[in-house]
Amino acid sequence: MFQENKYIVNDKYKILDHIGEGGVSIVYRALDLESDKEVAIKFLKQKYTSSYVEDLIRFMKEVELL
């Protein structure tokens, strides 16, 4: 898990705190450093970061990309 309030993602988002978890992902509240707005960032859980197509499809459905 990230150390909240100390982790910067892609030089753009500062993780503020952990919001929750879904079936295949973890959700964090973050600050967009460019716009100064709060956003939610969803990360695929580490055990699903392999190249398995089923896991990717499940994650994409969870974030409503499919």
Protein backbone atom coordinates (compact mmCIF):
# COMPACT_ATOMS: atom_id res chain seq x y z
CA MET A 1 0.00 0.00 0.00
CA PHE A 2 1.14 3.54 -0.64
CA GLN A 3 2.21 5.86 2.13
CA GLU A 4 -0.64 8.32 1.91
CA ASN A 5 0.25 12.00 1.51
CA LYS A 6 3.83 11.10 0.52
CA TYR A 7 3.43 9.39 -2.83
CA ILE A 8 3.28 11.19 -6.20
CA VAL A 9 1.95 9.32 -9.25
CA ASN A 10 3.28 10.25 -12.71
CA ASP A 11 4.48 13.62 -11.36
CA LYS A 12 0.83 14.72 -11.43
CA TYR A 13 -1.20 13.18 -8.59
CA LYS A 14 -0.46 13.29 -4.87
CA ILE A 15 -2.06 10.40 -2.96
CA LEU A 16 -4.03 11.80 -0.01
CA ASP A 17 -5.68 8.71 1.48
CA HIS A 18 -7.11 5.26 0.84
CA ILE A 19 -10.80 5.25 -0.10
CA GLY A 20 -11.55 1.56 -0.52
CA GLU A 21 -11.10 -1.62 -2.50
CA GLY A 22 -13.03 -3.42 -5.20
CA GLY A 23 -12.70 -6.92 -6.56
CA VAL A 24 -9.58 -6.23 -8.56
CA SER A 25 -8.55 -2.71 -7.58
CA ILE A 26 -7.68 -0.27 -4.81
CA VAL A 27 -9.05 3.28 -4.83
CA TYR A 28 -7.25 6.34 -3.48
CA ARG A 29 -8.22 9.98 -3.05
CA ALA A 30 -5.58 12.15 -4.67
CA LEU A 31 -4.82 15.75 -5.53
CA ASP A 32 -4.27 16.66 -9.19
CA LEU A 33 -1.20 18.88 -8.84
CA GLU A 34 -1.90 20.67 -12.13
CA SER A 35 -5.53 21.63 -11.51
CA ASP A 36 -5.46 21.54 -7.67
CA LYS A 37 -8.63 19.39 -7.72
CA GLU A 38 -9.29 16.20 -5.79
CA VAL A 39 -9.67 13.07 -7.87
CA ALA A 40 -10.07 9.34 -7.32
CA ILE A 41 -7.37 7.04 -8.66
CA LYS A 42 -7.99 3.35 -9.11
CA PHE A 43 -5.07 0.91 -9.26
CA LEU A 44 -5.17 -2.71 -10.31
CA LYS A 45 -4.22 -4.94 -7.35
CA GLN A 46 -0.71 -6.35 -7.65
CA LYS A 47 -1.89 -9.94 -7.96
CA TYR A 48 -3.76 -8.93 -11.14
CA THR A 49 -0.92 -7.07 -12.84
CA SER A 50 0.07 -10.01 -14.99
CA SER A 51 -0.86 -10.01 -18.65
CA TYR A 52 -4.00 -12.09 -18.20
CA VAL A 53 -6.68 -10.72 -20.50
CA GLU A 54 -9.57 -11.77 -18.23
CA ASP A 55 -8.20 -9.73 -15.31
CA LEU A 56 -7.72 -6.67 -17.51
CA ILE A 57 -11.26 -6.95 -18.88
CA ARG A 58 -12.66 -7.31 -15.34
CA PHE A 59 -10.74 -4.22 -14.21
CA MET A 60 -11.90 -2.21 -17.23
CA LYS A 61 -15.51 -3.17 -16.51
CA GLU A 62 -15.07 -2.14 -12.90
CA VAL A 63 -13.89 1.34 -13.94
CA GLU A 64 -16.60 1.43 -16.61
CA LEU A 65 -14.30 1.50 -19.63
CA LEU A 66 -16.16 -1.39 -21.27
